[in-house]
């Protein structure tokens, strides 16, 4: 698979030393990286199939420094790519050969915790899990919990609108962010939202969450905290077929029950997770649901009985309820370790992210199975069943000729299937580079032009994280672009209006 791109801007590359010197004045103290070996750790994010060392890396420590760096780059026509923890699975933080990579790794402090108003003010480099750990002694927690929460940063969660196993009941990042401080490409510092759940006027806060670093660089986040539930219990429900498990998911929701989380794994994922974690998963089932109920003890007990009844009606082969908090955490440990667990049984895997209506789960799983046979590649299904967010893991060997291309084609067909079923291209990983050229599957050219106009309103010069989200393949012929294959990925400026 190749991606059509222009050559890097030779004029900018010729000024590399000048740009590095200017950045050192703006961020003194050995916080500019320009040596080739030291740039290598930044050459990719979680989408490791594509690699491109950045021209330079700068590590600011304050909002004022970010503002001065962006203002200088804007005035000089230098592109900037923001980067958090680098865990993006869609290439959202992939560097450019002719751009400055601005790392927010040093924005790693929790600035304030307000127990009374149940909020925390944090810098974007703080990891997701660190927020909950910092407020746990207050009986509070931060609800969005992606599987990568031990490593992924709040700033990256904002950029991609991340979810997690508990987003079914408590929402995605956008439902749990109250305010942002961010810097626009011209250096202007703005604040959106505040201490309230809703603010008057245009929903610019909602626009920024999930904007993938195209509109501004976040330097501070105010997040909503929740009171830790009185009771939380997890259920393991095994089924002889994935279709029955999918039908059970739809039935639970249709009965008006909204679990804190409802996850599903197929046989391949179950066996990999159990071998890795030893969570006590049944190994004689084809599909496993993890359903968590939380709230007052009486409510949990009642809902557990209701879910047991629904699961039995759908032919559940095994049903187990966590006996204590340690066992509940163990049930979840297997699910949250599913991605690294699958990495133990395959040289490589390609993690997909698409969303479908819950009622189409059985049909989609059957179609994915057919595609697996068609491409000759195994797939482990791990996903947020409650909200229809699929994460099929396509197993392949990158050292085998043509297998990565097959895996990517397989993945593209899964995403097309999601759209065909009435779903969308992404649930929480973002578009980035991975899904960029599939955007016309979901949006018309008019839709995309309107989205580009929003980008233009915040970044008229197209200097901030260019080449992401918006498809460019259809413009290749008229603009004379060349094909650049994996391993060298310069990006174009976005269209100007």
Protein backbone atom coordinates (compact mmCIF):
# COMPACT_ATOMS: atom_id res chain seq x y z
CA UNK A 1 0.00 0.00 0.00
CA UNK A 2 1.32 3.45 -0.87
CA UNK A 3 0.15 6.93 0.03
CA UNK A 4 0.39 9.77 -2.46
CA UNK A 5 2.34 12.69 -1.05
CA UNK A 6 4.46 15.59 -2.32
CA UNK A 7 8.15 15.85 -1.65
CA UNK A 8 9.17 17.72 1.54
CA UNK A 9 9.56 21.46 1.20
CA UNK A 10 13.22 21.82 0.20
CA UNK A 11 13.27 25.49 1.19
CA UNK A 12 12.23 24.63 4.75
CA UNK A 13 14.74 21.79 5.01
CA UNK A 14 17.49 24.15 3.87
CA UNK A 15 16.66 26.35 6.87
CA UNK A 16 16.83 23.50 9.38
CA UNK A 17 19.78 24.90 11.34
CA UNK A 18 18.23 28.36 11.41
CA UNK A 19 14.93 26.92 12.67
CA UNK A 20 16.73 24.89 15.36
CA UNK A 21 18.61 27.99 16.53
CA UNK A 22 15.38 30.00 16.75
CA UNK A 23 13.65 27.25 18.72
CA UNK A 24 16.58 27.05 21.15
CA UNK A 25 16.09 30.73 21.90
CA UNK A 26 12.38 30.12 22.52
CA UNK A 27 12.90 26.91 24.54
CA UNK A 28 16.38 27.12 26.10
CA UNK A 29 18.04 24.40 28.12
CA UNK A 30 18.64 21.49 25.74
CA UNK A 31 14.96 21.17 24.87
CA UNK A 32 15.42 21.08 21.11
CA UNK A 33 16.37 17.73 19.58
CA UNK A 34 18.05 17.67 16.16
CA UNK A 35 20.48 14.73 16.20
CA UNK A 36 19.39 11.88 13.92
CA UNK A 37 19.70 9.14 16.56
CA UNK A 38 17.76 11.17 19.12
CA UNK A 39 14.96 11.82 16.63
CA UNK A 40 14.33 8.09 16.06
CA UNK A 41 12.05 7.59 19.11
CA UNK A 42 9.68 10.13 17.59
CA UNK A 43 9.48 8.63 14.08
CA UNK A 44 6.10 6.97 14.60
CA UNK A 45 3.21 6.59 17.00
CA UNK A 46 1.15 3.47 17.72
CA UNK A 47 0.56 2.97 13.97
CA UNK A 48 4.05 1.59 13.51
CA UNK A 49 3.66 0.60 9.84
CA UNK A 50 4.49 4.21 8.92
CA UNK A 51 7.70 5.88 10.04
CA UNK A 52 9.19 9.29 9.33
CA UNK A 53 11.78 11.04 11.52
CA UNK A 54 10.76 14.64 12.23
CA UNK A 55 12.87 17.55 11.07
CA UNK A 56 13.23 18.73 14.69
CA UNK A 57 11.65 18.09 18.10
CA UNK A 58 10.95 20.80 20.67
CA UNK A 59 9.82 20.21 24.26
CA UNK A 60 8.18 23.33 25.71
CA UNK A 61 7.34 23.50 29.41
CA UNK A 62 4.81 26.35 29.62
CA UNK A 63 1.81 27.64 27.70
CA UNK A 64 3.74 30.85 27.05
CA UNK A 65 6.53 28.87 25.39
CA UNK A 66 4.04 26.98 23.22
CA UNK A 67 2.53 30.32 22.21
CA UNK A 68 5.90 31.83 21.25
CA UNK A 69 6.94 28.70 19.31
CA UNK A 70 3.70 28.57 17.33
CA UNK A 71 3.74 32.31 16.65
CA UNK A 72 7.30 32.05 15.28
CA UNK A 73 6.50 28.99 13.15
CA UNK A 74 3.36 30.71 11.85
CA UNK A 75 5.31 33.82 10.86
CA UNK A 76 8.03 31.72 9.20
CA UNK A 77 5.69 29.25 7.44
CA UNK A 78 6.99 26.21 9.35
CA UNK A 79 4.64 23.26 9.91
CA UNK A 80 4.06 21.87 13.41
CA UNK A 81 2.91 18.40 14.51
CA UNK A 82 1.74 18.10 18.16
CA UNK A 83 2.52 14.89 20.06
CA UNK A 84 1.42 13.54 23.42
CA UNK A 85 2.40 10.05 24.61
CA UNK A 86 2.60 8.72 21.04
CA UNK A 87 0.02 5.97 21.62
CA UNK A 88 -2.25 7.01 18.73
CA UNK A 89 -3.27 4.01 16.62
CA UNK A 90 -4.29 6.04 13.58
CA UNK A 91 -1.06 7.91 12.84
CA UNK A 92 -2.37 11.14 14.33
CA UNK A 93 1.05 12.05 15.73
CA UNK A 94 3.07 10.87 12.72
CA UNK A 95 5.86 13.39 12.09
CA UNK A 96 6.63 15.22 8.85
CA UNK A 97 10.05 15.41 7.27
CA UNK A 98 9.77 19.20 6.97
CA UNK A 99 7.97 20.01 10.23
CA UNK A 100 8.70 20.67 13.87
CA UNK A 101 7.33 18.02 16.20
CA UNK A 102 6.09 19.73 19.38
CA UNK A 103 6.08 17.28 22.28
CA UNK A 104 3.91 17.93 25.33
CA UNK A 105 5.72 15.34 27.47
CA UNK A 106 6.80 17.99 30.00
CA UNK A 107 3.23 19.15 30.61
CA UNK A 108 2.84 16.41 33.21
CA UNK A 109 1.40 18.04 36.33
CA UNK A 110 -1.99 17.88 38.01
CA UNK A 111 -2.62 21.56 38.74
CA UNK A 112 -5.70 21.44 40.97
CA UNK A 113 -8.23 19.02 42.47
CA UNK A 114 -11.60 20.37 43.60
CA UNK A 115 -13.33 17.66 45.63
CA UNK A 116 -16.41 19.78 46.30
CA UNK A 117 -17.09 20.61 42.64
CA UNK A 118 -15.74 17.22 41.51
CA UNK A 119 -13.24 18.41 38.95
CA UNK A 120 -9.51 18.40 38.32
CA UNK A 121 -7.32 20.73 36.28
CA UNK A 122 -4.49 18.83 34.60
CA UNK A 123 -1.82 19.38 31.99
CA UNK A 124 -2.13 17.40 28.75
CA UNK A 125 0.87 15.15 29.42
CA UNK A 126 -0.71 13.62 32.53
CA UNK A 127 -1.61 9.99 31.91
CA UNK A 128 -5.25 8.94 32.02
CA UNK A 129 -4.80 6.54 34.93
CA UNK A 130 -2.83 9.10 36.96
CA UNK A 131 -5.93 11.29 37.25
CA UNK A 132 -7.94 8.54 38.94
CA UNK A 133 -5.00 7.60 41.15
CA UNK A 134 -4.63 11.21 42.28
CA UNK A 135 -8.27 11.52 43.38
CA UNK A 136 -9.02 7.98 44.59
CA UNK A 137 -8.50 8.93 48.26
CA UNK A 138 -11.34 11.45 47.83
CA UNK A 139 -13.66 8.64 46.70
CA UNK A 140 -13.59 10.03 43.14
CA UNK A 141 -12.42 8.81 39.75
CA UNK A 142 -12.14 9.88 36.09
CA UNK A 143 -14.57 7.80 34.04
CA UNK A 144 -13.06 7.44 30.52
CA UNK A 145 -10.64 4.52 30.75
CA UNK A 146 -9.13 3.39 27.43
CA UNK A 147 -7.17 0.14 27.60
CA UNK A 148 -3.98 2.17 27.17
CA UNK A 149 -4.85 4.33 30.20
CA UNK A 150 -1.59 3.46 31.97
CA UNK A 151 0.33 5.21 29.17
CA UNK A 152 -1.96 7.43 27.09
CA UNK A 153 -2.16 11.12 28.00
CA UNK A 154 -5.18 13.31 28.68
CA UNK A 155 -4.15 15.61 25.83
CA UNK A 156 -4.20 12.69 23.42
CA UNK A 157 -7.56 11.57 24.83
CA UNK A 158 -8.91 15.03 24.05
CA UNK A 159 -7.45 14.96 20.54
CA UNK A 160 -9.03 11.60 19.69
CA UNK A 161 -12.13 11.74 21.96
CA UNK A 162 -11.10 8.47 23.58
CA UNK A 163 -13.53 6.16 25.34
CA UNK A 164 -12.86 2.92 27.16
CA UNK A 165 -14.75 0.06 28.75
CA UNK A 166 -16.96 2.35 30.87
CA UNK A 167 -17.94 4.85 28.18
CA UNK A 168 -21.28 3.07 27.63
CA UNK A 169 -22.72 4.55 30.83
CA UNK A 170 -20.41 7.45 31.56
CA UNK A 171 -19.53 8.77 28.13
CA UNK A 172 -16.45 9.48 26.06
CA UNK A 173 -13.86 12.17 26.73
CA UNK A 174 -16.16 14.84 25.30
CA UNK A 175 -18.74 14.05 28.00
CA UNK A 176 -16.16 14.42 30.77
CA UNK A 177 -14.20 17.54 29.78
CA UNK A 178 -15.40 20.84 31.22
CA UNK A 179 -12.80 23.25 29.90
CA UNK A 180 -9.68 23.65 27.80
CA UNK A 181 -6.81 26.05 27.47
CA UNK A 182 -5.27 25.86 24.01
CA UNK A 183 -2.94 27.72 21.71
CA UNK A 184 -3.85 28.45 18.10
CA UNK A 185 -1.34 28.26 15.27
CA UNK A 186 -0.71 32.01 15.32
CA UNK A 187 0.17 31.85 19.03
CA UNK A 188 -3.13 33.13 20.42
CA UNK A 189 -4.06 31.56 23.76
CA UNK A 190 -7.77 30.90 24.29
CA UNK A 191 -9.89 29.25 26.99
CA UNK A 192 -13.07 27.32 26.30
CA UNK A 193 -15.62 26.08 28.80
CA UNK A 194 -15.00 26.30 32.52
CA UNK A 195 -16.43 24.87 35.72
CA UNK A 196 -19.94 24.19 34.41
CA UNK A 197 -21.28 21.19 32.49
CA UNK A 198 -22.70 23.49 29.81
CA UNK A 199 -21.55 26.90 28.53
CA UNK A 200 -23.54 29.43 26.57
CA UNK A 201 -22.94 30.12 22.89
CA UNK A 202 -21.33 27.97 20.20
CA UNK A 203 -20.05 24.61 21.37
CA UNK A 204 -16.40 25.28 20.56
CA UNK A 205 -15.35 22.97 23.39
CA UNK A 206 -17.19 20.10 21.69
CA UNK A 207 -15.55 21.05 18.41
CA UNK A 208 -12.07 20.86 19.91
CA UNK A 209 -12.50 17.46 21.56
CA UNK A 210 -11.77 14.96 18.80
CA UNK A 211 -10.20 17.52 16.43
CA UNK A 212 -6.96 15.45 16.26
CA UNK A 213 -4.58 18.37 16.74
CA UNK A 214 -5.72 20.18 13.60
CA UNK A 215 -7.23 23.26 15.26
CA UNK A 216 -5.02 24.06 18.25
CA UNK A 217 -2.63 22.62 20.82
CA UNK A 218 -4.19 21.89 24.21
CA UNK A 219 -2.11 23.03 27.20
CA UNK A 220 -4.59 22.55 30.07
CA UNK A 221 -7.69 20.40 30.61
CA UNK A 222 -10.43 20.65 33.23
CA UNK A 223 -12.02 17.23 33.67
CA UNK A 224 -15.18 16.11 35.43
CA UNK A 225 -14.75 13.64 38.28
CA UNK A 226 -17.36 11.14 39.44
CA UNK A 227 -18.07 9.69 42.85
CA UNK A 228 -16.86 6.08 43.08
CA UNK A 229 -19.95 3.82 42.94
CA UNK A 230 -21.07 2.18 46.17
CA UNK A 231 -21.07 -1.23 44.49
CA UNK A 232 -19.61 -2.57 41.24
CA UNK A 233 -19.87 -6.19 40.12
CA UNK A 234 -18.75 -7.79 36.88
CA UNK A 235 -20.28 -10.77 35.13
CA UNK A 236 -18.59 -13.24 32.78
CA UNK A 237 -21.10 -14.68 30.30
CA UNK A 238 -19.96 -17.32 27.81
CA UNK A 239 -21.76 -18.31 24.60
CA UNK A 240 -21.41 -21.15 22.13
CA UNK A 241 -21.55 -18.67 19.22
CA UNK A 242 -20.63 -15.02 18.62
CA UNK A 243 -24.00 -14.35 17.02
CA UNK A 244 -25.80 -15.34 20.24
CA UNK A 245 -23.50 -13.09 22.26
CA UNK A 246 -24.21 -10.18 19.92
CA UNK A 247 -27.95 -10.76 20.18
CA UNK A 248 -27.67 -10.80 23.99
CA UNK A 249 -25.93 -7.40 23.94
CA UNK A 250 -28.78 -5.89 21.94
CA UNK A 251 -31.36 -7.50 24.23
CA UNK A 252 -29.79 -6.13 27.43
CA UNK A 253 -29.88 -2.57 26.07
CA UNK A 254 -33.39 -2.97 24.64
CA UNK A 255 -34.60 -3.95 28.12
CA UNK A 256 -33.56 -0.51 29.35
CA UNK A 257 -30.48 -1.70 31.21
CA UNK A 258 -27.38 0.47 30.78
CA UNK A 259 -24.39 -1.38 32.27
CA UNK A 260 -21.29 0.54 33.36
CA UNK A 261 -19.48 -1.51 30.74
CA UNK A 262 -20.25 -4.32 28.31
CA UNK A 263 -17.33 -5.86 26.45
CA UNK A 264 -17.04 -8.84 24.14
CA UNK A 265 -14.19 -11.12 23.02
CA UNK A 266 -14.19 -14.06 20.62
CA UNK A 267 -12.44 -17.41 21.10
CA UNK A 268 -9.03 -16.32 19.80
CA UNK A 269 -8.98 -13.22 22.03
CA UNK A 270 -10.28 -15.18 25.05
CA UNK A 271 -7.51 -17.78 24.83
CA UNK A 272 -4.79 -15.15 24.29
CA UNK A 273 -5.98 -13.04 27.25
CA UNK A 274 -6.34 -16.02 29.56
CA UNK A 275 -2.85 -17.31 28.73
CA UNK A 276 -1.43 -13.84 29.38
CA UNK A 277 -3.30 -12.80 32.54
CA UNK A 278 -4.96 -15.89 34.02
CA UNK A 279 -8.25 -14.08 34.64
CA UNK A 280 -10.26 -17.30 34.92
CA UNK A 281 -11.98 -16.98 31.55
CA UNK A 282 -13.83 -20.06 30.28
CA UNK A 283 -11.94 -21.63 27.36
CA UNK A 284 -14.75 -23.77 25.95
CA UNK A 285 -16.88 -20.89 24.60
CA UNK A 286 -16.81 -19.04 21.28
CA UNK A 287 -17.65 -15.63 22.72
CA UNK A 288 -17.39 -14.00 26.13
CA UNK A 289 -19.27 -10.97 27.45
CA UNK A 290 -18.04 -8.97 30.42
CA UNK A 291 -20.97 -7.00 31.83
CA UNK A 292 -20.47 -4.64 34.75
CA UNK A 293 -23.30 -3.21 36.84
CA UNK A 294 -22.67 -0.47 39.37
CA UNK A 295 -24.57 1.75 41.79
CA UNK A 296 -26.38 1.02 45.08
CA UNK A 297 -26.16 -2.58 46.24
CA UNK A 298 -29.90 -3.22 45.84
CA UNK A 299 -29.88 -1.87 42.29
CA UNK A 300 -26.86 -3.96 41.31
CA UNK A 301 -28.37 -7.14 42.72
CA UNK A 302 -31.62 -6.55 40.85
CA UNK A 303 -29.89 -5.78 37.53
CA UNK A 304 -27.61 -8.79 37.83
CA UNK A 305 -30.72 -10.96 38.10
CA UNK A 306 -32.21 -9.29 35.02
CA UNK A 307 -29.04 -9.79 32.98
CA UNK A 308 -28.85 -13.43 34.09
CA UNK A 309 -32.40 -13.96 32.86
CA UNK A 310 -31.70 -12.31 29.48
CA UNK A 311 -28.43 -14.21 29.02
CA UNK A 312 -30.09 -17.54 29.79
CA UNK A 313 -32.83 -16.78 27.27
CA UNK A 314 -30.09 -16.28 24.65
CA UNK A 315 -28.44 -19.62 25.40
CA UNK A 316 -25.58 -18.58 27.69
CA UNK A 317 -23.33 -21.58 28.25
CA UNK A 318 -21.63 -20.15 31.34
CA UNK A 319 -22.36 -17.31 33.74
CA UNK A 320 -20.21 -16.11 36.63
CA UNK A 321 -20.50 -13.03 38.88
CA UNK A 322 -17.48 -11.48 40.61
CA UNK A 323 -17.42 -12.39 44.30
CA UNK A 324 -15.35 -9.40 45.42
CA UNK A 325 -13.45 -6.36 44.17
CA UNK A 326 -10.27 -8.34 43.49
CA UNK A 327 -12.11 -10.74 41.21
CA UNK A 328 -13.89 -7.87 39.43
CA UNK A 329 -10.54 -6.26 38.71
CA UNK A 330 -9.19 -9.61 37.48
CA UNK A 331 -12.10 -10.02 35.06
CA UNK A 332 -11.25 -6.61 33.60
CA UNK A 333 -7.49 -7.22 33.62
CA UNK A 334 -7.87 -9.89 30.94
CA UNK A 335 -9.92 -7.60 28.70
CA UNK A 336 -7.60 -4.61 29.15
CA UNK A 337 -4.58 -6.79 28.38
CA UNK A 338 -6.16 -8.26 25.24
CA UNK A 339 -4.05 -6.18 22.84
CA UNK A 340 -0.63 -7.14 24.28
CA UNK A 341 -1.93 -10.67 24.78
CA UNK A 342 -2.67 -11.04 21.07
CA UNK A 343 0.84 -9.73 20.40
CA UNK A 344 2.17 -12.92 21.98
CA UNK A 345 0.45 -15.18 19.43
CA UNK A 346 1.25 -13.26 16.24
CA UNK A 347 4.38 -11.47 14.98
CA UNK A 348 2.24 -8.42 14.18
CA UNK A 349 -1.37 -7.31 14.35
CA UNK A 350 -3.35 -4.43 12.92
CA UNK A 351 -5.83 -2.91 15.37
CA UNK A 352 -8.99 -1.60 13.75
CA UNK A 353 -11.54 0.86 15.13
CA UNK A 354 -15.03 1.29 13.71
CA UNK A 355 -18.53 1.66 15.14
CA UNK A 356 -21.82 0.06 14.16
CA UNK A 357 -25.41 0.01 15.46
CA UNK A 358 -25.63 -2.62 18.22
CA UNK A 359 -28.41 -4.51 16.45
CA UNK A 360 -26.07 -5.27 13.54
CA UNK A 361 -23.43 -6.99 15.68
CA UNK A 362 -24.27 -10.60 14.70
CA UNK A 363 -24.34 -9.73 10.99
CA UNK A 364 -21.08 -7.77 11.13
CA UNK A 365 -19.25 -10.51 13.02
CA UNK A 366 -20.35 -13.04 10.39
CA UNK A 367 -19.12 -10.75 7.60
CA UNK A 368 -15.77 -10.22 9.34
CA UNK A 369 -15.40 -14.01 9.55
CA UNK A 370 -16.01 -14.26 5.79
CA UNK A 371 -13.45 -11.52 5.12
CA UNK A 372 -10.95 -13.38 7.31
CA UNK A 373 -11.32 -16.46 5.11
CA UNK A 374 -11.13 -14.33 1.95
CA UNK A 375 -7.84 -12.70 2.95
CA UNK A 376 -6.36 -15.74 4.65
CA UNK A 377 -5.63 -13.78 7.83
CA UNK A 378 -6.91 -14.60 11.30
CA UNK A 379 -8.72 -11.95 13.31
CA UNK A 380 -9.28 -11.65 17.06
CA UNK A 381 -12.39 -9.67 17.89
CA UNK A 382 -12.21 -7.45 20.98
CA UNK A 383 -14.68 -4.61 21.29
CA UNK A 384 -16.91 -2.33 23.31
CA UNK A 385 -20.06 -4.29 22.55
CA UNK A 386 -22.37 -1.97 24.46
CA UNK A 387 -21.82 1.00 22.16
CA UNK A 388 -20.92 -0.97 19.02
CA UNK A 389 -17.27 0.14 18.91
CA UNK A 390 -15.37 -2.69 17.20
CA UNK A 391 -11.65 -3.38 17.62
CA UNK A 392 -10.87 -6.35 15.34
CA UNK A 393 -7.19 -7.32 15.59
CA UNK A 394 -5.97 -8.59 12.23
CA UNK A 395 -3.05 -10.99 12.67
CA UNK A 396 -0.23 -10.95 10.10
CA UNK A 397 3.53 -11.21 9.69
CA UNK A 398 5.17 -8.02 8.41
CA UNK A 399 8.25 -10.00 7.37
CA UNK A 400 6.15 -12.03 4.90
CA UNK A 401 5.89 -10.34 1.51
CA UNK A 402 2.50 -8.74 0.91
CA UNK A 403 0.96 -9.57 4.30
CA UNK A 404 0.89 -5.99 5.58
CA UNK A 405 -0.83 -4.87 2.36
CA UNK A 406 -3.38 -7.67 2.81
CA UNK A 407 -3.95 -6.69 6.45
CA UNK A 408 -4.54 -3.06 5.48
CA UNK A 409 -6.93 -4.04 2.69
CA UNK A 410 -8.77 -6.33 5.10
CA UNK A 411 -8.99 -3.48 7.61
CA UNK A 412 -10.30 -1.07 4.97
CA UNK A 413 -13.03 -3.56 4.08
CA UNK A 414 -14.04 -3.80 7.75
CA UNK A 415 -14.36 -0.02 7.94
CA UNK A 416 -16.40 0.07 4.71
CA UNK A 417 -18.61 -2.60 6.26
CA UNK A 418 -19.13 -0.42 9.35
CA UNK A 419 -20.33 2.48 7.18
CA UNK A 420 -22.51 0.14 5.10
CA UNK A 421 -24.20 -1.05 8.29
CA UNK A 422 -25.07 2.50 9.31
CA UNK A 423 -22.01 3.07 11.47
CA UNK A 424 -18.93 5.28 11.28
CA UNK A 425 -15.24 4.97 10.46
CA UNK A 426 -13.96 5.51 13.99
CA UNK A 427 -15.16 5.20 17.55
CA UNK A 428 -12.20 6.51 19.51
CA UNK A 429 -8.90 6.07 17.65
CA UNK A 430 -9.47 8.96 15.25
CA UNK A 431 -8.95 9.26 11.51
CA UNK A 432 -5.32 10.39 11.35
CA UNK A 433 -3.53 8.87 8.37
CA UNK A 434 -4.98 5.38 8.69
CA UNK A 435 -8.57 6.25 7.73
CA UNK A 436 -7.91 9.53 5.92
CA UNK A 437 -8.46 8.24 2.41
CA UNK A 438 -11.59 6.31 3.46
CA UNK A 439 -13.37 9.52 4.49
CA UNK A 440 -15.26 9.69 1.14
CA UNK A 441 -16.88 6.38 2.08
CA UNK A 442 -18.74 8.28 4.79
CA UNK A 443 -18.78 11.92 3.67
CA UNK A 444 -19.61 13.66 0.40
CA UNK A 445 -17.19 16.15 -1.11
CA UNK A 446 -19.49 18.92 0.13
CA UNK A 447 -19.29 17.52 3.67
CA UNK A 448 -15.51 17.38 3.49
CA UNK A 449 -15.23 20.89 2.10
CA UNK A 450 -17.23 22.21 5.06
CA UNK A 451 -14.94 20.39 7.46
CA UNK A 452 -11.91 21.88 5.70
CA UNK A 453 -13.44 25.33 6.10
CA UNK A 454 -13.60 24.82 9.86
CA UNK A 455 -9.94 23.87 9.78
CA UNK A 456 -9.21 26.98 7.73
CA UNK A 457 -11.01 29.22 10.24
CA UNK A 458 -8.56 28.18 12.97
CA UNK A 459 -5.45 27.59 10.85
CA UNK A 460 -5.66 29.51 7.54
CA UNK A 461 -2.12 28.58 6.50
CA UNK A 462 -2.66 24.85 7.06
CA UNK A 463 0.48 24.58 9.18
CA UNK A 464 -0.87 22.61 12.15
CA UNK A 465 -0.73 18.81 11.77
CA UNK A 466 -1.23 18.87 7.99
CA UNK A 467 -1.90 15.74 5.97
CA UNK A 468 -4.15 14.17 8.59
CA UNK A 469 -7.91 13.45 8.47
CA UNK A 470 -8.69 15.01 5.06
CA UNK A 471 -8.34 12.73 2.00
CA UNK A 472 -5.92 13.81 -0.70
CA UNK A 473 -5.68 10.82 -3.03
CA UNK A 474 -8.39 12.14 -5.33
CA UNK A 475 -6.29 15.25 -5.95
CA UNK A 476 -3.14 13.42 -6.95
CA UNK A 477 -3.54 13.44 -10.72
CA UNK A 478 -4.40 17.11 -11.02
CA UNK A 479 -1.63 18.19 -8.67
CA UNK A 480 1.04 15.87 -10.01
CA UNK A 481 1.78 14.20 -6.70
CA UNK A 482 4.28 11.37 -6.46
CA UNK A 483 3.82 8.05 -4.67
CA UNK A 484 5.84 7.75 -1.47
CA UNK A 485 5.77 4.35 0.23
CA UNK A 486 5.89 3.38 3.91
CA UNK A 487 9.02 4.58 5.63
CA UNK A 488 9.03 8.07 4.14
CA UNK A 489 5.89 10.10 4.64
CA UNK A 490 6.07 13.84 4.03
CA UNK A 491 2.66 15.49 4.02
CA UNK A 492 1.02 18.24 1.97
CA UNK A 493 -0.43 21.54 3.02
CA UNK A 494 -4.19 21.43 3.38
CA UNK A 495 -6.28 23.24 0.73
CA UNK A 496 -6.71 26.97 1.18
CA UNK A 497 -10.00 28.77 0.88
